Amino acid sequence: MNRWRGSGASLVRAMAAPNLKRKASNTFSAVQDTFLSTKDIYERHKVVFTMATSVGSILTAWAGYSLRQIHQAKIDKRLGSIEKAFFDSIL
């Protein structure tokens, strides 16, 4: 009985190595195919991606500037109310 268990384990190991090698090869091929197709799509649409990136950058800068202006207006309003309260308490 032990003789069959020992030979079964080596049989599983012998079958696992080619499967592992095949799976690794398939994985590498899939990654390589994905990379090449992504690269091809980028090369064919380079102008579109460049323009979209530029527009996105401009919109991000505009949004940041707008948020800064809104924040500054809130600070100025709060500072004005603090000054008013201070001067009203003095008089």
PDB file of N, CA and C in Angstrom:
ATOM      1  N   MET A   1       0.812  -1.178   0.000  1.00  0.00           N
ATOM      2  CA  MET A   1       0.000   0.000   0.000  1.00  0.00           C
ATOM      3  C   MET A   1       0.867   1.259   0.000  1.00  0.00           C
ATOM      4  N   ASN A   2       1.933   1.292   0.827  1.00  0.00           N
ATOM      5  CA  ASN A   2       2.824   2.444   0.856  1.00  0.00           C
ATOM      6  C   ASN A   2       3.503   2.667  -0.493  1.00  0.00           C
ATOM      7  N   ARG A   3       3.761   1.573  -1.189  1.00  0.00           N
ATOM      8  CA  ARG A   3       4.425   1.684  -2.469  1.00  0.00           C
ATOM      9  C   ARG A   3       3.578   2.503  -3.451  1.00  0.00           C
ATOM     10  N   TRP A   4       2.270   2.355  -3.426  1.00  0.00           N
ATOM     11  CA  TRP A   4       1.397   3.095  -4.338  1.00  0.00           C
ATOM     12  C   TRP A   4       1.309   4.561  -3.952  1.00  0.00           C
ATOM     13  N   ARG A   5       1.311   4.830  -2.664  1.00  0.00           N
ATOM     14  CA  ARG A   5       1.245   6.238  -2.217  1.00  0.00           C
ATOM     15  C   ARG A   5       2.487   6.995  -2.645  1.00  0.00           C
ATOM     16  N   GLY A   6       3.640   6.357  -2.475  1.00  0.00           N
ATOM     17  CA  GLY A   6       4.887   7.026  -2.854  1.00  0.00           C
ATOM     18  C   GLY A   6       4.951   7.277  -4.346  1.00  0.00           C
ATOM     19  N   SER A   7       4.551   6.332  -5.142  1.00  0.00           N
ATOM     20  CA  SER A   7       4.631   6.518  -6.583  1.00  0.00           C
ATOM     21  C   SER A   7       3.565   7.489  -7.064  1.00  0.00           C
ATOM     22  N   GLY A   8       2.425   7.569  -6.379  1.00  0.00           N
ATOM     23  CA  GLY A   8       1.382   8.528  -6.748  1.00  0.00           C
ATOM     24  C   GLY A   8       1.837   9.957  -6.528  1.00  0.00           C
ATOM     25  N   ALA A   9       2.556  10.199  -5.446  1.00  0.00           N
ATOM     26  CA  ALA A   9       3.035  11.544  -5.160  1.00  0.00           C
ATOM     27  C   ALA A   9       4.033  11.995  -6.213  1.00  0.00           C
ATOM     28  N   SER A  10       4.922  11.094  -6.633  1.00  0.00           N
ATOM     29  CA  SER A  10       5.887  11.482  -7.651  1.00  0.00           C
ATOM     30  C   SER A  10       5.201  11.678  -8.997  1.00  0.00           C
ATOM     31  N   LEU A  11       4.134  10.926  -9.239  1.00  0.00           N
ATOM     32  CA  LEU A  11       3.375  11.084 -10.472  1.00  0.00           C
ATOM     33  C   LEU A  11       2.702  12.457 -10.507  1.00  0.00           C
ATOM     34  N   VAL A  12       2.159  12.893  -9.363  1.00  0.00           N
ATOM     35  CA  VAL A  12       1.533  14.216  -9.284  1.00  0.00           C
ATOM     36  C   VAL A  12       2.580  15.300  -9.506  1.00  0.00           C
ATOM     37  N   ARG A  13       3.755  15.141  -8.897  1.00  0.00           N
ATOM     38  CA  ARG A  13       4.825  16.127  -9.101  1.00  0.00           C
ATOM     39  C   ARG A  13       5.268  16.169 -10.559  1.00  0.00           C
ATOM     40  N   ALA A  14       5.367  15.026 -11.183  1.00  0.00           N
ATOM     41  CA  ALA A  14       5.794  14.961 -12.584  1.00  0.00           C
ATOM     42  C   ALA A  14       4.769  15.638 -13.490  1.00  0.00           C
ATOM     43  N   MET A  15       3.494  15.514 -13.165  1.00  0.00           N
ATOM     44  CA  MET A  15       2.457  16.148 -13.976  1.00  0.00           C
ATOM     45  C   MET A  15       2.335  17.634 -13.667  1.00  0.00           C
ATOM     46  N   ALA A  16       2.675  18.051 -12.461  1.00  0.00           N
ATOM     47  CA  ALA A  16       2.520  19.441 -12.050  1.00  0.00           C
ATOM     48  C   ALA A  16       3.539  20.340 -12.723  1.00  0.00           C
ATOM     49  N   ALA A  17       4.759  19.875 -12.917  1.00  0.00           N
ATOM     50  CA  ALA A  17       5.803  20.720 -13.500  1.00  0.00           C
ATOM     51  C   ALA A  17       5.465  21.159 -14.924  1.00  0.00           C
ATOM     52  N   PRO A  18       5.062  20.274 -15.828  1.00  0.00           N
ATOM     53  CA  PRO A  18       4.697  20.745 -17.170  1.00  0.00           C
ATOM     54  C   PRO A  18       3.475  21.671 -17.163  1.00  0.00           C
ATOM     55  N   ASN A  19       2.502  21.361 -16.295  1.00  0.00           N
ATOM     56  CA  ASN A  19       1.324  22.234 -16.202  1.00  0.00           C
ATOM     57  C   ASN A  19       1.702  23.612 -15.708  1.00  0.00           C
ATOM     58  N   LEU A  20       2.573  23.677 -14.719  1.00  0.00           N
ATOM     59  CA  LEU A  20       3.019  24.945 -14.186  1.00  0.00           C
ATOM     60  C   LEU A  20       3.777  25.737 -15.248  1.00  0.00           C
ATOM     61  N   LYS A  21       4.625  25.037 -15.987  1.00  0.00           N
ATOM     62  CA  LYS A  21       5.386  25.694 -17.055  1.00  0.00           C
ATOM     63  C   LYS A  21       4.441  26.208 -18.144  1.00  0.00           C
ATOM     64  N   ARG A  22       3.446  25.416 -18.509  1.00  0.00           N
ATOM     65  CA  ARG A  22       2.474  25.822 -19.529  1.00  0.00           C
ATOM     66  C   ARG A  22       1.653  27.021 -19.049  1.00  0.00           C
ATOM     67  N   LYS A  23       1.229  26.993 -17.778  1.00  0.00           N
ATOM     68  CA  LYS A  23       0.456  28.103 -17.237  1.00  0.00           C
ATOM     69  C   LYS A  23       1.281  29.378 -17.188  1.00  0.00           C
ATOM     70  N   ALA A  24       2.546  29.256 -16.807  1.00  0.00           N
ATOM     71  CA  ALA A  24       3.421  30.422 -16.766  1.00  0.00           C
ATOM     72  C   ALA A  24       3.622  30.984 -18.171  1.00  0.00           C
ATOM     73  N   SER A  25       3.802  30.106 -19.139  1.00  0.00           N
ATOM     74  CA  SER A  25       3.980  30.541 -20.520  1.00  0.00           C
ATOM     75  C   SER A  25       2.716  31.230 -21.041  1.00  0.00           C
ATOM     76  N   ASN A  26       1.550  30.668 -20.736  1.00  0.00           N
ATOM     77  CA  ASN A  26       0.280  31.270 -21.161  1.00  0.00           C
ATOM     78  C   ASN A  26       0.074  32.640 -20.511  1.00  0.00           C
ATOM     79  N   THR A  27       0.425  32.738 -19.236  1.00  0.00           N
ATOM     80  CA  THR A  27       0.289  34.008 -18.527  1.00  0.00           C
ATOM     81  C   THR A  27       1.196  35.059 -19.144  1.00  0.00           C
ATOM     82  N   PHE A  28       2.429  34.688 -19.417  1.00  0.00           N
ATOM     83  CA  PHE A  28       3.376  35.618 -20.026  1.00  0.00           C
ATOM     84  C   PHE A  28       2.874  36.069 -21.401  1.00  0.00           C
ATOM     85  N   SER A  29       2.353  35.139 -22.179  1.00  0.00           N
ATOM     86  CA  SER A  29       1.817  35.486 -23.503  1.00  0.00           C
ATOM     87  C   SER A  29       0.626  36.433 -23.388  1.00  0.00           C
ATOM     88  N   ALA A  30      -0.240  36.200 -22.430  1.00  0.00           N
ATOM     89  CA  ALA A  30      -1.415  37.058 -22.245  1.00  0.00           C
ATOM     90  C   ALA A  30      -0.999  38.471 -21.850  1.00  0.00           C
ATOM     91  N   VAL A  31      -0.034  38.570 -20.943  1.00  0.00           N
ATOM     92  CA  VAL A  31       0.447  39.891 -20.520  1.00  0.00           C
ATOM     93  C   VAL A  31       1.108  40.603 -21.698  1.00  0.00           C
ATOM     94  N   GLN A  32       1.915  39.888 -22.451  1.00  0.00           N
ATOM     95  CA  GLN A  32       2.591  40.475 -23.599  1.00  0.00           C
ATOM     96  C   GLN A  32       1.572  40.932 -24.653  1.00  0.00           C
ATOM     97  N   ASP A  33       0.556  40.135 -24.931  1.00  0.00           N
ATOM     98  CA  ASP A  33      -0.480  40.510 -25.895  1.00  0.00           C
ATOM     99  C   ASP A  33      -1.245  41.754 -25.437  1.00  0.00           C
ATOM    100  N   THR A  34      -1.562  41.797 -24.150  1.00  0.00           N
ATOM    101  CA  THR A  34      -2.260  42.961 -23.602  1.00  0.00           C
ATOM    102  C   THR A  34      -1.420  44.208 -23.739  1.00  0.00           C
ATOM    103  N   PHE A  35      -0.136  44.105 -23.416  1.00  0.00           N
ATOM    104  CA  PHE A  35       0.768  45.244 -23.534  1.00  0.00           C
ATOM    105  C   PHE A  35       0.850  45.730 -24.970  1.00  0.00           C
ATOM    106  N   LEU A  36       1.031  44.812 -25.907  1.00  0.00           N
ATOM    107  CA  LEU A  36       1.181  45.201 -27.307  1.00  0.00           C
ATOM    108  C   LEU A  36      -0.105  45.809 -27.864  1.00  0.00           C
ATOM    109  N   SER A  37      -1.263  45.271 -27.493  1.00  0.00           N
ATOM    110  CA  SER A  37      -2.515  45.850 -27.992  1.00  0.00           C
ATOM    111  C   SER A  37      -2.752  47.229 -27.380  1.00  0.00           C
ATOM    112  N   THR A  38      -2.420  47.401 -26.096  1.00  0.00           N
ATOM    113  CA  THR A  38      -2.556  48.713 -25.459  1.00  0.00           C
ATOM    114  C   THR A  38      -1.619  49.715 -26.120  1.00  0.00           C
ATOM    115  N   LYS A  39      -0.396  49.299 -26.395  1.00  0.00           N
ATOM    116  CA  LYS A  39       0.576  50.167 -27.059  1.00  0.00           C
ATOM    117  C   LYS A  39       0.084  50.553 -28.448  1.00  0.00           C
ATOM    118  N   ASP A  40      -0.493  49.597 -29.177  1.00  0.00           N
ATOM    119  CA  ASP A  40      -1.002  49.862 -30.521  1.00  0.00           C
ATOM    120  C   ASP A  40      -2.154  50.862 -30.476  1.00  0.00           C
ATOM    121  N   ILE A  41      -3.067  50.687 -29.531  1.00  0.00           N
ATOM    122  CA  ILE A  41      -4.197  51.618 -29.392  1.00  0.00           C
ATOM    123  C   ILE A  41      -3.686  53.013 -29.060  1.00  0.00           C
ATOM    124  N   TYR A  42      -2.716  53.092 -28.145  1.00  0.00           N
ATOM    125  CA  TYR A  42      -2.162  54.400 -27.782  1.00  0.00           C
ATOM    126  C   TYR A  42      -1.510  55.066 -28.991  1.00  0.00           C
ATOM    127  N   GLU A  43      -0.729  54.322 -29.756  1.00  0.00           N
ATOM    128  CA  GLU A  43      -0.045  54.893 -30.914  1.00  0.00           C
ATOM    129  C   GLU A  43      -1.043  55.390 -31.955  1.00  0.00           C
ATOM    130  N   ARG A  44      -2.151  54.671 -32.153  1.00  0.00           N
ATOM    131  CA  ARG A  44      -3.143  55.091 -33.141  1.00  0.00           C
ATOM    132  C   ARG A  44      -3.951  56.292 -32.672  1.00  0.00           C
ATOM    133  N   HIS A  45      -4.057  56.501 -31.354  1.00  0.00           N
ATOM    134  CA  HIS A  45      -4.871  57.591 -30.820  1.00  0.00           C
ATOM    135  C   HIS A  45      -4.040  58.584 -30.011  1.00  0.00           C
ATOM    136  N   LYS A  46      -2.792  58.727 -30.352  1.00  0.00           N
ATOM    137  CA  LYS A  46      -1.877  59.569 -29.579  1.00  0.00           C
ATOM    138  C   LYS A  46      -2.369  61.020 -29.498  1.00  0.00           C
ATOM    139  N   VAL A  47      -2.842  61.560 -30.616  1.00  0.00           N
ATOM    140  CA  VAL A  47      -3.302  62.954 -30.638  1.00  0.00           C
ATOM    141  C   VAL A  47      -4.518  63.130 -29.731  1.00  0.00           C
ATOM    142  N   VAL A  48      -5.433  62.180 -29.769  1.00  0.00           N
ATOM    143  CA  VAL A  48      -6.629  62.263 -28.927  1.00  0.00           C
ATOM    144  C   VAL A  48      -6.243  62.231 -27.454  1.00  0.00           C
ATOM    145  N   PHE A  49      -5.353  61.321 -27.078  1.00  0.00           N
ATOM    146  CA  PHE A  49      -4.925  61.237 -25.682  1.00  0.00           C
ATOM    147  C   PHE A  49      -4.185  62.502 -25.242  1.00  0.00           C
ATOM    148  N   THR A  50      -3.366  63.054 -26.130  1.00  0.00           N
ATOM    149  CA  THR A  50      -2.628  64.272 -25.800  1.00  0.00           C
ATOM    150  C   THR A  50      -3.585  65.437 -25.581  1.00  0.00           C
ATOM    151  N   MET A  51      -4.554  65.584 -26.475  1.00  0.00           N
ATOM    152  CA  MET A  51      -5.530  66.669 -26.334  1.00  0.00           C
ATOM    153  C   MET A  51      -6.379  66.473 -25.076  1.00  0.00           C
ATOM    154  N   ALA A  52      -6.821  65.254 -24.825  1.00  0.00           N
ATOM    155  CA  ALA A  52      -7.637  64.989 -23.633  1.00  0.00           C
ATOM    156  C   ALA A  52      -6.856  65.283 -22.358  1.00  0.00           C
ATOM    157  N   THR A  53      -5.580  64.934 -22.357  1.00  0.00           N
ATOM    158  CA  THR A  53      -4.750  65.212 -21.185  1.00  0.00           C
ATOM    159  C   THR A  53      -4.591  66.714 -20.978  1.00  0.00           C
ATOM    160  N   SER A  54      -4.399  67.449 -22.056  1.00  0.00           N
ATOM    161  CA  SER A  54      -4.261  68.905 -21.961  1.00  0.00           C
ATOM    162  C   SER A  54      -5.542  69.545 -21.442  1.00  0.00           C
ATOM    163  N   VAL A  55      -6.668  69.130 -21.987  1.00  0.00           N
ATOM    164  CA  VAL A  55      -7.951  69.678 -21.531  1.00  0.00           C
ATOM    165  C   VAL A  55      -8.196  69.310 -20.071  1.00  0.00           C
ATOM    166  N   GLY A  56      -7.877  68.090 -19.707  1.00  0.00           N
ATOM    167  CA  GLY A  56      -8.026  67.675 -18.306  1.00  0.00           C
ATOM    168  C   GLY A  56      -7.161  68.495 -17.365  1.00  0.00           C
ATOM    169  N   SER A  57      -5.956  68.798 -17.796  1.00  0.00           N
ATOM    170  CA  SER A  57      -5.058  69.605 -16.979  1.00  0.00           C
ATOM    171  C   SER A  57      -5.590  71.030 -16.802  1.00  0.00           C
ATOM    172  N   ILE A  58      -6.096  71.585 -17.887  1.00  0.00           N
ATOM    173  CA  ILE A  58      -6.657  72.941 -17.809  1.00  0.00           C
ATOM    174  C   ILE A  58      -7.868  72.967 -16.885  1.00  0.00           C
ATOM    175  N   LEU A  59      -8.746  71.980 -17.017  1.00  0.00           N
ATOM    176  CA  LEU A  59      -9.934  71.927 -16.154  1.00  0.00           C
ATOM    177  C   LEU A  59      -9.566  71.745 -14.682  1.00  0.00           C
ATOM    178  N   THR A  60      -8.541  70.948 -14.429  1.00  0.00           N
ATOM    179  CA  THR A  60      -8.095  70.744 -13.051  1.00  0.00           C
ATOM    180  C   THR A  60      -7.538  72.040 -12.461  1.00  0.00           C
ATOM    181  N   ALA A  61      -6.755  72.764 -13.258  1.00  0.00           N
ATOM    182  CA  ALA A  61      -6.205  74.040 -12.786  1.00  0.00           C
ATOM    183  C   ALA A  61      -7.327  75.041 -12.537  1.00  0.00           C
ATOM    184  N   TRP A  62      -8.300  75.097 -13.428  1.00  0.00           N
ATOM    185  CA  TRP A  62      -9.427  76.013 -13.259  1.00  0.00           C
ATOM    186  C   TRP A  62     -10.223  75.666 -12.000  1.00  0.00           C
ATOM    187  N   ALA A  63     -10.469  74.386 -11.778  1.00  0.00           N
ATOM    188  CA  ALA A  63     -11.213  73.962 -10.586  1.00  0.00           C
ATOM    189  C   ALA A  63     -10.458  74.328  -9.315  1.00  0.00           C
ATOM    190  N   GLY A  64      -9.140  74.108  -9.304  1.00  0.00           N
ATOM    191  CA  GLY A  64      -8.337  74.468  -8.137  1.00  0.00           C
ATOM    192  C   GLY A  64      -8.361  75.958  -7.873  1.00  0.00           C
ATOM    193  N   TYR A  65      -8.260  76.762  -8.939  1.00  0.00           N
ATOM    194  CA  TYR A  65      -8.303  78.217  -8.797  1.00  0.00           C
ATOM    195  C   TYR A  65      -9.661  78.659  -8.258  1.00  0.00           C
ATOM    196  N   SER A  66     -10.734  78.075  -8.798  1.00  0.00           N
ATOM    197  CA  SER A  66     -12.083  78.439  -8.355  1.00  0.00           C
ATOM    198  C   SER A  66     -12.297  78.090  -6.884  1.00  0.00           C
ATOM    199  N   LEU A  67     -11.864  76.899  -6.497  1.00  0.00           N
ATOM    200  CA  LEU A  67     -12.000  76.505  -5.087  1.00  0.00           C
ATOM    201  C   LEU A  67     -11.194  77.414  -4.173  1.00  0.00           C
ATOM    202  N   ARG A  68     -10.018  77.823  -4.626  1.00  0.00           N
ATOM    203  CA  ARG A  68      -9.198  78.742  -3.825  1.00  0.00           C
ATOM    204  C   ARG A  68      -9.895  80.085  -3.665  1.00  0.00           C
ATOM    205  N   GLN A  69     -10.514  80.594  -4.736  1.00  0.00           N
ATOM    206  CA  GLN A  69     -11.226  81.869  -4.660  1.00  0.00           C
ATOM    207  C   GLN A  69     -12.423  81.774  -3.720  1.00  0.00           C
ATOM    208  N   ILE A  70     -13.158  80.670  -3.781  1.00  0.00           N
ATOM    209  CA  ILE A  70     -14.303  80.473  -2.887  1.00  0.00           C
ATOM    210  C   ILE A  70     -13.836  80.423  -1.434  1.00  0.00           C
ATOM    211  N   HIS A  71     -12.755  79.697  -1.185  1.00  0.00           N
ATOM    212  CA  HIS A  71     -12.212  79.596   0.170  1.00  0.00           C
ATOM    213  C   HIS A  71     -11.743  80.969   0.673  1.00  0.00           C
ATOM    214  N   GLN A  72     -11.073  81.718  -0.197  1.00  0.00           N
ATOM    215  CA  GLN A  72     -10.589  83.047   0.191  1.00  0.00           C
ATOM    216  C   GLN A  72     -11.765  83.971   0.503  1.00  0.00           C
ATOM    217  N   ALA A  73     -12.846  83.892  -0.249  1.00  0.00           N
ATOM    218  CA  ALA A  73     -14.032  84.720   0.013  1.00  0.00           C
ATOM    219  C   ALA A  73     -14.641  84.364   1.378  1.00  0.00           C
ATOM    220  N   LYS A  74     -14.686  83.069   1.707  1.00  0.00           N
ATOM    221  CA  LYS A  74     -15.206  82.665   3.017  1.00  0.00           C
ATOM    222  C   LYS A  74     -14.328  83.186   4.149  1.00  0.00           C
ATOM    223  N   ILE A  75     -13.009  83.126   3.951  1.00  0.00           N
ATOM    224  CA  ILE A  75     -12.081  83.640   4.967  1.00  0.00           C
ATOM    225  C   ILE A  75     -12.271  85.138   5.148  1.00  0.00           C
ATOM    226  N   ASP A  76     -12.374  85.878   4.029  1.00  0.00           N
ATOM    227  CA  ASP A  76     -12.562  87.331   4.111  1.00  0.00           C
ATOM    228  C   ASP A  76     -13.876  87.682   4.804  1.00  0.00           C
ATOM    229  N   LYS A  77     -14.926  86.932   4.505  1.00  0.00           N
ATOM    230  CA  LYS A  77     -16.225  87.175   5.153  1.00  0.00           C
ATOM    231  C   LYS A  77     -16.128  86.930   6.650  1.00  0.00           C
ATOM    232  N   ARG A  78     -15.492  85.835   7.039  1.00  0.00           N
ATOM    233  CA  ARG A  78     -15.346  85.506   8.463  1.00  0.00           C
ATOM    234  C   ARG A  78     -14.472  86.540   9.170  1.00  0.00           C
ATOM    235  N   LEU A  79     -13.392  86.951   8.526  1.00  0.00           N
ATOM    236  CA  LEU A  79     -12.513  87.966   9.110  1.00  0.00           C
ATOM    237  C   LEU A  79     -13.257  89.292   9.268  1.00  0.00           C
ATOM    238  N   GLY A  80     -14.085  89.635   8.292  1.00  0.00           N
ATOM    239  CA  GLY A  80     -14.880  90.869   8.387  1.00  0.00           C
ATOM    240  C   GLY A  80     -15.841  90.827   9.553  1.00  0.00           C
ATOM    241  N   SER A  81     -16.465  89.669   9.768  1.00  0.00           N
ATOM    242  CA  SER A  81     -17.404  89.570  10.890  1.00  0.00           C
ATOM    243  C   SER A  81     -16.664  89.618  12.227  1.00  0.00           C
ATOM    244  N   ILE A  82     -15.453  89.074  12.287  1.00  0.00           N
ATOM    245  CA  ILE A  82     -14.651  89.147  13.518  1.00  0.00           C
ATOM    246  C   ILE A  82     -14.243  90.590  13.796  1.00  0.00           C
ATOM    247  N   GLU A  83     -13.797  91.307  12.759  1.00  0.00           N
ATOM    248  CA  GLU A  83     -13.423  92.722  12.914  1.00  0.00           C
ATOM    249  C   GLU A  83     -14.619  93.552  13.367  1.00  0.00           C
ATOM    250  N   LYS A  84     -15.781  93.300  12.749  1.00  0.00           N
ATOM    251  CA  LYS A  84     -16.987  94.054  13.119  1.00  0.00           C
ATOM    252  C   LYS A  84     -17.341  93.802  14.578  1.00  0.00           C
ATOM    253  N   ALA A  85     -17.295  92.544  15.005  1.00  0.00           N
ATOM    254  CA  ALA A  85     -17.614  92.220  16.399  1.00  0.00           C
ATOM    255  C   ALA A  85     -16.605  92.868  17.335  1.00  0.00           C
ATOM    256  N   PHE A  86     -15.349  92.909  16.950  1.00  0.00           N
ATOM    257  CA  PHE A  86     -14.311  93.498  17.785  1.00  0.00           C
ATOM    258  C   PHE A  86     -14.531  94.996  17.942  1.00  0.00           C
ATOM    259  N   PHE A  87     -14.783  95.711  16.812  1.00  0.00           N
ATOM    260  CA  PHE A  87     -14.973  97.151  16.876  1.00  0.00           C
ATOM    261  C   PHE A  87     -16.278  97.523  17.550  1.00  0.00           C
ATOM    262  N   ASP A  88     -17.308  96.670  17.405  1.00  0.00           N
ATOM    263  CA  ASP A  88     -18.578  96.957  18.080  1.00  0.00           C
ATOM    264  C   ASP A  88     -18.426  96.813  19.594  1.00  0.00           C
ATOM    265  N   SER A  89     -17.565  95.898  20.034  1.00  0.00           N
ATOM    266  CA  SER A  89     -17.387  95.721  21.468  1.00  0.00           C
ATOM    267  C   SER A  89     -16.561  96.858  22.072  1.00  0.00           C
ATOM    268  N   ILE A  90     -15.716  97.487  21.281  1.00  0.00           N
ATOM    269  CA  ILE A  90     -14.893  98.606  21.775  1.00  0.00           C
ATOM    270  C   ILE A  90     -15.745  99.848  21.942  1.00  0.00           C
ATOM    271  N   LEU A  91     -16.640 100.079  21.002  1.00  0.00           N
ATOM    272  CA  LEU A  91     -17.469 101.276  21.037  1.00  0.00           C
ATOM    273  C   LEU A  91     -18.632 101.060  21.924  1.00  0.00           C
TER     274      LEU A  91
END
